[in-house]
N, C-alpha and C. Protein backbone atom coordinates (compact mmCIF):
# COMPACT_ATOMS: atom_id res chain seq x y z
N MET A 1 26.30 -227.77 -13.50
CA MET A 1 25.51 -228.48 -12.29
C MET A 1 25.01 -229.71 -12.96
N ARG A 2 24.83 -230.44 -11.87
CA ARG A 2 24.38 -231.99 -12.45
C ARG A 2 23.74 -232.65 -13.16
N GLU A 3 23.78 -233.66 -13.71
CA GLU A 3 23.34 -234.23 -14.41
C GLU A 3 21.77 -235.36 -13.94
N LEU A 4 22.48 -236.07 -12.85
CA LEU A 4 21.92 -236.74 -11.86
C LEU A 4 21.72 -236.41 -10.25
N TYR A 5 20.62 -236.37 -9.49
CA TYR A 5 20.57 -236.18 -8.43
C TYR A 5 19.86 -237.08 -7.65
N THR A 6 20.68 -237.93 -6.39
CA THR A 6 19.84 -238.38 -5.69
C THR A 6 18.73 -237.53 -4.52
N VAL A 7 17.66 -238.48 -4.19
CA VAL A 7 16.76 -237.67 -3.26
C VAL A 7 17.49 -236.79 -2.58
N ASN A 8 18.27 -237.34 -1.76
CA ASN A 8 18.85 -236.42 -0.53
C ASN A 8 19.95 -234.83 -1.47
N GLN A 9 20.52 -235.24 -2.59
CA GLN A 9 20.85 -234.35 -2.79
C GLN A 9 20.40 -233.43 -3.78
N LEU A 10 19.09 -233.69 -3.95
CA LEU A 10 17.93 -233.06 -4.61
C LEU A 10 17.70 -232.03 -3.19
N ALA A 11 17.34 -232.23 -2.13
CA ALA A 11 16.97 -231.95 -1.01
C ALA A 11 17.37 -230.66 -0.45
N GLU A 12 18.52 -231.42 -0.55
CA GLU A 12 19.60 -230.12 0.10
C GLU A 12 19.92 -229.23 -1.45
N ASP A 13 20.03 -229.79 -2.47
CA ASP A 13 20.21 -228.32 -3.18
C ASP A 13 19.14 -227.56 -3.45
N LEU A 14 17.83 -228.07 -2.87
CA LEU A 14 16.85 -227.43 -2.91
C LEU A 14 16.00 -226.35 -1.66
N GLY A 15 17.33 -227.13 -0.96
CA GLY A 15 16.68 -226.34 0.69
C GLY A 15 14.98 -226.73 1.19
N ILE A 16 14.93 -228.33 0.82
CA ILE A 16 13.59 -229.01 1.45
C ILE A 16 14.43 -230.58 1.76
N THR A 17 13.05 -231.08 2.16
CA THR A 17 13.61 -232.54 2.46
C THR A 17 13.65 -233.81 2.02
N PRO A 18 13.76 -234.47 2.21
CA PRO A 18 13.51 -235.47 1.07
C PRO A 18 12.19 -236.06 1.63
N ARG A 19 11.44 -236.10 2.35
CA ARG A 19 9.84 -236.29 2.41
C ARG A 19 9.60 -235.13 1.42
N THR A 20 9.76 -234.09 1.74
CA THR A 20 9.00 -233.33 0.38
C THR A 20 8.91 -233.50 -0.86
N ILE A 21 10.22 -233.99 -1.61
CA ILE A 21 10.31 -234.64 -2.68
C ILE A 21 9.84 -235.67 -3.02
N ARG A 22 9.48 -237.06 -2.00
CA ARG A 22 8.57 -238.10 -2.48
C ARG A 22 7.15 -237.30 -1.94
N PHE A 23 7.06 -236.50 -1.25
CA PHE A 23 5.41 -236.22 -1.36
C PHE A 23 4.67 -235.82 -2.80
N TYR A 24 6.09 -234.80 -3.33
CA TYR A 24 5.37 -234.58 -5.44
C TYR A 24 5.40 -235.55 -5.67
N GLU A 25 6.38 -236.77 -5.93
CA GLU A 25 6.53 -237.73 -6.64
C GLU A 25 5.48 -238.66 -6.17
N ALA A 26 4.77 -238.55 -5.18
CA ALA A 26 3.45 -239.61 -5.49
C ALA A 26 2.85 -238.85 -5.70
N LYS A 27 2.31 -237.68 -5.63
CA LYS A 27 1.24 -237.42 -6.15
C LYS A 27 1.58 -236.87 -8.04
N GLY A 28 2.86 -237.29 -8.36
CA GLY A 28 2.94 -237.69 -9.61
C GLY A 28 3.25 -236.57 -10.93
N LEU A 29 3.83 -235.63 -9.67
CA LEU A 29 4.71 -233.69 -10.10
C LEU A 29 5.87 -234.27 -10.58
N ILE A 30 6.61 -235.00 -10.19
CA ILE A 30 8.17 -235.88 -10.83
C ILE A 30 7.67 -236.93 -10.78
N ALA A 31 8.82 -237.59 -11.48
CA ALA A 31 9.27 -239.22 -11.52
C ALA A 31 10.56 -239.46 -12.09
N PRO A 32 11.19 -239.70 -10.96
CA PRO A 32 12.56 -240.23 -11.07
C PRO A 32 12.95 -241.48 -11.50
N GLN A 33 14.07 -241.42 -12.31
CA GLN A 33 14.40 -242.62 -12.81
C GLN A 33 15.17 -243.70 -12.06
N ARG A 34 15.28 -244.96 -12.47
CA ARG A 34 15.90 -245.73 -11.51
C ARG A 34 17.33 -245.93 -12.06
N ALA A 35 18.28 -246.29 -11.30
CA ALA A 35 19.74 -246.62 -11.27
C ALA A 35 19.77 -247.51 -10.16
N GLY A 36 19.35 -248.75 -11.12
CA GLY A 36 19.71 -249.87 -9.93
C GLY A 36 18.30 -250.00 -8.95
N THR A 37 18.85 -249.40 -7.33
CA THR A 37 17.74 -249.91 -6.61
C THR A 37 17.46 -248.41 -6.21
N MET A 38 18.45 -247.53 -6.50
CA MET A 38 18.11 -245.83 -6.40
C MET A 38 17.44 -245.10 -7.39
N ARG A 39 16.61 -244.68 -6.71
CA ARG A 39 15.80 -243.43 -7.46
C ARG A 39 16.74 -242.42 -7.91
N VAL A 40 16.52 -241.81 -8.86
CA VAL A 40 17.78 -240.50 -9.35
C VAL A 40 17.10 -239.34 -10.27
N PHE A 41 16.87 -237.98 -10.12
CA PHE A 41 16.59 -237.27 -10.22
C PHE A 41 17.33 -236.35 -11.76
N ASN A 42 16.70 -236.18 -12.57
CA ASN A 42 17.39 -235.22 -13.71
C ASN A 42 16.99 -234.01 -13.50
N ARG A 43 18.07 -233.19 -14.64
CA ARG A 43 17.83 -231.77 -14.39
C ARG A 43 16.02 -231.14 -14.81
N ARG A 44 15.64 -231.98 -15.40
CA ARG A 44 14.26 -232.20 -15.91
C ARG A 44 13.47 -232.08 -14.90
N ASP A 45 13.76 -232.69 -14.17
CA ASP A 45 13.12 -233.83 -12.45
C ASP A 45 13.32 -232.41 -11.49
N ARG A 46 14.44 -231.33 -11.51
CA ARG A 46 14.82 -230.52 -10.92
C ARG A 46 13.93 -229.13 -11.02
N ALA A 47 13.93 -228.69 -12.21
CA ALA A 47 13.36 -227.45 -12.78
C ALA A 47 11.36 -228.21 -12.78
N ARG A 48 11.50 -228.75 -12.49
CA ARG A 48 9.18 -229.51 -12.85
C ARG A 48 9.44 -229.01 -11.07
N LEU A 49 9.77 -229.59 -10.52
CA LEU A 49 10.48 -229.25 -8.94
C LEU A 49 10.03 -228.08 -8.37
N MET A 50 10.91 -227.03 -9.00
CA MET A 50 11.09 -226.13 -8.71
C MET A 50 9.60 -224.61 -9.16
N ILE A 51 9.58 -225.42 -10.65
CA ILE A 51 7.74 -225.03 -10.58
C ILE A 51 6.97 -225.08 -9.43
N VAL A 52 7.34 -226.47 -9.27
CA VAL A 52 6.09 -226.84 -8.30
C VAL A 52 6.41 -225.99 -6.96
N LEU A 53 7.91 -226.20 -6.47
CA LEU A 53 8.03 -225.31 -4.38
C LEU A 53 7.35 -223.73 -5.55
N ARG A 54 7.67 -223.00 -6.47
CA ARG A 54 7.55 -221.67 -6.50
C ARG A 54 5.74 -221.13 -6.53
N GLY A 55 5.37 -222.47 -7.42
CA GLY A 55 3.69 -222.64 -7.52
C GLY A 55 3.41 -222.61 -5.56
N LYS A 56 3.60 -223.87 -5.20
CA LYS A 56 2.77 -223.80 -3.88
C LYS A 56 3.09 -222.44 -2.80
N ARG A 57 4.41 -221.63 -3.48
CA ARG A 57 4.76 -220.58 -2.33
C ARG A 57 3.69 -219.27 -3.01
N LEU A 58 3.02 -219.41 -4.18
CA LEU A 58 2.43 -218.28 -4.53
C LEU A 58 0.94 -218.54 -4.36
N GLY A 59 0.72 -219.76 -3.76
CA GLY A 59 -0.27 -220.32 -3.05
C GLY A 59 -1.45 -220.91 -4.45
N PHE A 60 -0.69 -221.46 -5.57
CA PHE A 60 -1.32 -221.80 -6.35
C PHE A 60 -1.47 -223.61 -5.84
N THR A 61 -2.50 -224.51 -6.09
CA THR A 61 -3.31 -225.67 -5.70
C THR A 61 -2.38 -226.77 -6.42
N LEU A 62 -2.02 -228.07 -5.70
CA LEU A 62 -1.58 -228.83 -6.79
C LEU A 62 -2.18 -229.11 -8.42
N ALA A 63 -3.12 -228.98 -8.67
CA ALA A 63 -3.91 -229.39 -9.16
C ALA A 63 -3.91 -228.37 -10.27
N GLU A 64 -3.76 -227.06 -10.15
CA GLU A 64 -3.39 -226.28 -10.89
C GLU A 64 -1.90 -226.23 -11.31
N ILE A 65 -0.78 -226.39 -10.65
CA ILE A 65 0.37 -226.94 -10.23
C ILE A 65 0.80 -228.29 -11.97
N ARG A 66 -0.19 -228.93 -11.68
CA ARG A 66 -0.35 -230.03 -12.64
C ARG A 66 -0.48 -229.84 -13.95
N GLU A 67 -1.66 -229.01 -13.97
CA GLU A 67 -2.37 -228.60 -14.77
C GLU A 67 -1.32 -227.90 -16.23
N TYR A 68 -0.25 -226.90 -15.12
CA TYR A 68 1.03 -226.48 -15.89
C TYR A 68 1.69 -227.12 -16.35
N LEU A 69 2.22 -228.12 -15.56
CA LEU A 69 3.36 -228.63 -15.77
C LEU A 69 2.96 -229.81 -16.96
N ASP A 70 1.66 -229.79 -16.90
CA ASP A 70 1.19 -231.16 -18.42
C ASP A 70 1.18 -230.48 -19.19
N LEU A 71 0.66 -229.05 -19.42
CA LEU A 71 0.81 -228.42 -21.01
C LEU A 71 1.97 -227.93 -21.09
N TYR A 72 3.31 -228.41 -20.48
CA TYR A 72 4.38 -228.29 -20.84
C TYR A 72 4.80 -229.14 -21.11
N ASP A 73 4.37 -230.74 -21.48
CA ASP A 73 4.93 -231.35 -21.90
C ASP A 73 3.80 -231.34 -24.05
N ALA A 74 2.53 -231.19 -23.45
CA ALA A 74 2.20 -231.31 -24.49
C ALA A 74 1.89 -230.48 -25.67
N ASP A 75 2.18 -228.81 -25.10
CA ASP A 75 2.48 -228.10 -26.23
C ASP A 75 3.51 -227.15 -26.19
N ARG A 76 4.43 -228.09 -26.78
CA ARG A 76 5.73 -227.03 -27.80
C ARG A 76 5.64 -226.14 -27.73
N THR A 77 4.74 -225.24 -28.36
CA THR A 77 4.35 -223.56 -28.81
C THR A 77 4.90 -222.97 -27.37
N LYS A 78 3.97 -223.64 -26.30
CA LYS A 78 3.93 -223.25 -25.14
C LYS A 78 3.07 -221.58 -24.89
N ARG A 79 2.17 -221.92 -26.11
CA ARG A 79 0.89 -220.85 -26.49
C ARG A 79 0.26 -221.22 -25.12
N GLU A 80 -0.67 -222.39 -24.94
CA GLU A 80 -1.22 -222.61 -23.89
C GLU A 80 -0.78 -222.62 -22.59
N GLN A 81 0.51 -223.02 -21.91
CA GLN A 81 1.31 -223.16 -21.06
C GLN A 81 0.80 -221.80 -20.52
N MET A 82 1.13 -221.14 -21.31
CA MET A 82 1.38 -219.12 -21.33
C MET A 82 0.16 -218.64 -20.66
N ARG A 83 -1.06 -218.84 -21.66
CA ARG A 83 -2.30 -218.39 -21.34
C ARG A 83 -2.84 -219.10 -20.26
N LEU A 84 -2.41 -220.49 -19.66
CA LEU A 84 -2.74 -220.83 -18.55
C LEU A 84 -2.48 -220.16 -17.68
N LEU A 85 -1.06 -219.59 -17.39
CA LEU A 85 -0.42 -219.15 -16.28
C LEU A 85 -0.72 -217.45 -16.09
N LEU A 86 -1.25 -216.73 -17.34
CA LEU A 86 -1.53 -215.80 -17.32
C LEU A 86 -2.76 -215.45 -16.77
N THR A 87 -4.06 -216.57 -17.23
CA THR A 87 -5.36 -216.52 -16.49
C THR A 87 -5.22 -217.14 -15.26
N LYS A 88 -4.38 -217.94 -14.23
CA LYS A 88 -4.62 -218.04 -13.27
C LYS A 88 -3.49 -216.89 -12.09
N THR A 89 -2.13 -216.89 -12.56
CA THR A 89 -2.31 -215.12 -11.99
C THR A 89 -3.13 -214.31 -11.84
N GLN A 90 -3.64 -214.15 -13.17
CA GLN A 90 -4.40 -212.64 -12.81
C GLN A 90 -5.37 -213.66 -11.82
N GLU A 91 -5.92 -214.33 -11.73
CA GLU A 91 -6.80 -214.84 -10.83
C GLU A 91 -6.49 -215.36 -9.31
N ARG A 92 -5.07 -215.33 -9.49
CA ARG A 92 -4.72 -215.37 -8.07
C ARG A 92 -4.05 -214.02 -7.51
N ILE A 93 -3.74 -212.81 -8.32
CA ILE A 93 -3.93 -211.69 -8.12
C ILE A 93 -5.08 -211.04 -7.60
N THR A 94 -6.09 -211.09 -8.46
CA THR A 94 -7.64 -210.79 -7.84
C THR A 94 -8.20 -211.50 -6.34
N GLY A 95 -7.79 -212.98 -5.69
CA GLY A 95 -8.04 -213.12 -5.00
C GLY A 95 -7.27 -212.66 -3.43
N LEU A 96 -5.84 -212.37 -4.37
CA LEU A 96 -4.72 -211.85 -3.32
C LEU A 96 -5.51 -210.21 -2.79
N GLU A 97 -5.61 -209.24 -3.32
CA GLU A 97 -6.12 -207.80 -3.63
C GLU A 97 -7.47 -208.21 -2.82
N GLN A 98 -8.33 -209.27 -2.94
CA GLN A 98 -9.41 -209.36 -2.04
C GLN A 98 -9.40 -209.70 -0.42
N GLN A 99 -8.14 -210.51 -0.61
CA GLN A 99 -7.84 -210.84 0.54
C GLN A 99 -7.36 -209.60 1.50
N ARG A 100 -6.37 -209.25 1.13
CA ARG A 100 -5.81 -207.54 1.13
C ARG A 100 -6.95 -206.47 2.33
N ARG A 101 -8.14 -206.75 1.18
CA ARG A 101 -9.12 -205.70 1.59
C ARG A 101 -10.10 -206.14 2.95
N ASP A 102 -9.98 -207.27 2.79
CA ASP A 102 -10.74 -208.01 4.20
C ASP A 102 -9.59 -208.13 5.35
N LEU A 103 -8.65 -208.14 5.48
CA LEU A 103 -7.54 -208.47 6.14
C LEU A 103 -7.87 -206.52 6.92
N ALA A 104 -7.72 -205.53 5.66
CA ALA A 104 -7.93 -204.25 6.16
C ALA A 104 -8.92 -204.37 7.32
N GLN A 105 -10.15 -204.58 6.58
CA GLN A 105 -10.94 -204.76 6.92
C GLN A 105 -11.19 -205.34 8.56
N THR A 106 -10.59 -206.68 8.73
CA THR A 106 -10.40 -207.26 10.02
C THR A 106 -9.73 -206.84 10.69
N LEU A 107 -8.68 -206.14 10.64
CA LEU A 107 -7.68 -205.38 11.56
C LEU A 107 -8.21 -203.73 11.99
N ALA A 108 -8.81 -203.31 10.95
CA ALA A 108 -9.85 -201.99 11.45
C ALA A 108 -10.93 -202.01 12.65
N GLU A 109 -11.52 -203.09 12.36
CA GLU A 109 -12.08 -203.69 13.45
C GLU A 109 -12.10 -204.13 14.69
N LEU A 110 -10.77 -205.19 14.60
CA LEU A 110 -9.98 -205.63 16.19
C LEU A 110 -9.34 -204.07 16.48
N ARG A 111 -8.79 -203.27 16.05
CA ARG A 111 -8.47 -201.61 16.81
C ARG A 111 -9.45 -201.33 17.20
N ALA A 112 -10.60 -201.40 16.82
CA ALA A 112 -11.58 -200.20 17.42
C ALA A 112 -11.82 -201.07 18.47
N ILE A 113 -12.11 -202.53 18.83
CA ILE A 113 -12.38 -203.30 20.02
C ILE A 113 -11.13 -202.94 20.47
N GLU A 114 -10.28 -202.88 20.23
CA GLU A 114 -8.68 -203.02 21.18
C GLU A 114 -9.12 -201.91 21.82
N ALA A 115 -9.55 -200.18 21.12
CA ALA A 115 -9.39 -199.84 21.54
C ALA A 115 -10.85 -199.22 22.61
N GLU A 116 -12.02 -199.50 22.15
CA GLU A 116 -13.15 -200.04 23.25
C GLU A 116 -12.34 -200.88 24.70
N ALA A 117 -11.66 -201.94 24.43
CA ALA A 117 -11.31 -202.29 25.49
C ALA A 117 -10.17 -201.51 26.86
N GLU A 118 -9.69 -200.76 25.49
CA GLU A 118 -8.40 -200.04 26.77
C GLU A 118 -9.36 -198.99 27.56
N THR A 119 -10.50 -198.07 26.35
CA THR A 119 -11.10 -197.17 27.28
C THR A 119 -12.11 -197.87 28.71
N ALA A 120 -12.61 -199.39 27.49
CA ALA A 120 -13.17 -199.65 28.88
C ALA A 120 -12.19 -199.88 30.63
N LEU A 121 -11.21 -200.63 30.10
CA LEU A 121 -9.97 -200.91 31.18
C LEU A 121 -10.01 -199.54 32.33
N ALA A 122 -9.16 -198.80 31.21
CA ALA A 122 -8.99 -197.10 32.27
C ALA A 122 -10.13 -196.76 32.70
N ALA A 123 -11.58 -196.86 32.36
CA ALA A 123 -12.55 -196.58 33.17
C ALA A 123 -12.61 -196.89 34.51
N ILE A 124 -12.75 -198.26 34.57
CA ILE A 124 -12.82 -199.42 35.65
C ILE A 124 -11.83 -199.23 36.42
N ALA A 125 -10.48 -198.62 35.93
CA ALA A 125 -9.10 -198.02 36.96
C ALA A 125 -9.49 -197.36 37.19
N GLU A 126 -9.90 -196.23 37.02
CA GLU A 126 -10.60 -194.99 37.32
C GLU A 126 -11.47 -194.64 38.48
N THR A 127 -12.37 -195.78 38.48
CA THR A 127 -13.94 -196.15 38.62
C THR A 127 -13.24 -196.96 40.72
N ALA A 128 -12.43 -197.12 40.09
CA ALA A 128 -11.77 -198.04 41.38
C ALA A 128 -10.87 -197.40 42.22
N GLY A 129 -10.42 -196.15 41.60
CA GLY A 129 -9.47 -195.14 42.18
C GLY A 129 -10.09 -194.81 43.41
N ASN A 130 -11.40 -194.17 42.53
CA ASN A 130 -12.32 -192.91 43.39
C ASN A 130 -12.96 -193.94 44.04
N GLN A 131 -13.40 -195.20 44.27
CA GLN A 131 -14.02 -195.59 45.24
C GLN A 131 -12.80 -196.07 46.44
N HIS A 132 -11.42 -196.20 46.29
CA HIS A 132 -10.87 -196.16 47.09
C HIS A 132 -10.32 -194.69 47.85
N ARG A 133 -10.91 -193.74 47.24
CA ARG A 133 -10.26 -192.36 47.45
C ARG A 133 -11.36 -192.26 49.10
N VAL A 134 -13.14 -192.43 48.76
CA VAL A 134 -13.99 -192.10 49.01
C VAL A 134 -13.95 -192.93 50.76
N LYS A 135 -13.46 -194.49 50.21
CA LYS A 135 -13.60 -194.93 51.59
C LYS A 135 -11.93 -194.70 52.70
N GLY A 136 -11.09 -194.16 52.16
CA GLY A 136 -10.58 -194.26 52.37
C GLY A 136 -10.52 -192.76 53.58
């Protein structure tokens, strides 16, 4: 594994765009060093960025991710960081379970509407067919 990465190297390594890295840098979630005029990232920056990307993929806000990362530096025992992680994970699970219930209800309603529309169209088609036979 490398010791230092340029923006492009880190982006390629993590499968993201350099713009994404710059965005998280601007938000203060990672802080590259300078090597002359070039910004370089170390393993710690890479690890932090991986946490950020995972957190976003799991639906956490940037504020929640920042709070977690800040605890990483402040609490060497990791106790508070793990408590926060547990709390936020449980909250996220609860929220996702509610979303799943809401989604199931919405799908059931949409399926009922779909069935009603199909029945109505079939009735319209049958009525139109009967009218053609009467006229003919």
